[in-house]
Protein backbone atom coordinates (compact mmCIF):
# COMPACT_ATOMS: atom_id res chain seq x y z
CA MET A 1 128.49 146.86 118.04
CA ALA A 2 131.90 145.07 117.24
CA GLN A 3 130.51 142.33 119.25
CA ALA A 4 128.02 141.02 117.57
CA LEU A 5 129.41 141.94 114.48
CA GLY A 6 132.00 139.42 115.39
CA PHE A 7 129.94 137.12 116.97
CA GLY A 8 127.49 137.02 113.45
CA ARG A 9 131.01 135.92 111.37
CA ARG A 10 131.26 133.51 114.00
CA TYR A 11 128.38 132.02 113.36
CA LEU A 12 127.74 131.67 110.12
CA LYS A 13 131.72 130.08 110.31
CA ALA A 14 129.97 127.08 112.09
CA PHE A 15 126.95 127.23 110.08
CA CYS A 16 128.73 126.83 106.45
CA LYS A 17 131.33 123.73 107.98
CA GLY A 18 128.49 122.45 109.35
CA PHE A 19 126.24 122.60 106.56
CA PHE A 20 129.67 121.64 104.09
CA VAL A 21 129.85 118.39 106.37
CA ALA A 22 126.09 117.57 106.77
CA VAL A 23 125.35 117.67 103.07
CA PRO A 24 127.48 114.83 101.87
CA VAL A 25 126.91 113.09 104.63
CA THR A 26 123.72 112.54 103.98
CA VAL A 27 123.63 112.81 100.66
CA THR A 28 126.13 109.70 101.19
CA PHE A 29 124.11 107.75 103.68
CA LEU A 30 120.87 107.80 101.86
CA ASP A 31 122.50 106.51 98.36
CA ARG A 32 124.53 103.82 100.29
CA VAL A 33 123.27 102.87 103.04
CA ALA A 34 118.84 103.11 103.41
CA CYS A 35 116.35 106.29 102.24
CA ILE A 36 112.66 106.38 103.66
CA ALA A 37 109.93 105.47 100.62
CA ARG A 38 106.46 106.04 100.68
CA VAL A 39 104.08 103.34 99.10
CA GLU A 40 100.60 104.32 97.34
CA GLY A 41 98.21 102.81 95.20
CA ALA A 42 96.97 99.00 94.83
CA SER A 43 99.63 97.44 93.65
CA MET A 44 101.09 95.98 96.58
CA GLN A 45 97.70 95.33 98.41
CA PRO A 46 96.98 93.50 100.83
CA SER A 47 100.82 93.38 102.20
CA LEU A 48 101.03 97.29 102.27
CA ASN A 49 97.80 99.99 102.26
CA PRO A 50 95.76 97.24 102.96
CA GLU A 51 92.75 100.20 103.44
CA ASP A 52 90.81 101.27 99.81
CA GLY A 53 91.68 104.35 101.32
CA GLN A 54 94.24 107.38 101.01
CA MET A 55 95.99 106.49 102.99
CA SER A 56 99.54 105.46 102.25
CA ASP A 57 102.86 103.41 103.80
CA VAL A 58 106.12 104.53 104.64
CA VAL A 59 109.23 102.28 104.15
CA LEU A 60 112.55 102.13 104.91
CA LEU A 61 114.83 100.57 101.87
CA ASN A 62 117.66 98.85 102.58
CA HIS A 63 119.94 99.95 99.94
CA TRP A 64 122.90 97.76 102.13
CA SER A 65 121.31 94.55 101.93
CA ILE A 66 120.98 94.08 97.91
CA ARG A 67 125.06 95.26 97.57
CA ASN A 68 125.62 92.55 99.37
CA TYR A 69 123.38 90.07 97.29
CA GLU A 70 121.20 89.53 100.62
CA VAL A 71 118.16 89.57 99.53
CA GLN A 72 115.34 85.87 100.43
CA ARG A 73 112.25 84.80 99.17
CA GLY A 74 109.16 86.95 100.79
CA ASP A 75 111.43 90.06 100.66
CA ILE A 76 109.71 93.17 99.51
CA VAL A 77 111.79 94.61 96.72
CA SER A 78 111.81 98.22 95.37
CA LEU A 79 112.53 98.75 91.61
CA VAL A 80 113.27 103.07 90.64
């Protein structure tokens, strides 16, 4: 019984350490480097969502290029 209680505490401690490290790293990555977004609607046709159906495309938004002013002609820019 005592061993099971010790195992539970070690598991909880390891989970909390991993959680408190993973959450700030993930938030920083999504804010500074890149994030994933869905493109819906007809506004980006025919480049994205080429069919008239209910399908939506998933794109990777690169925040890093915008911060370094590396936008070139032909790039798709998303405004929030």
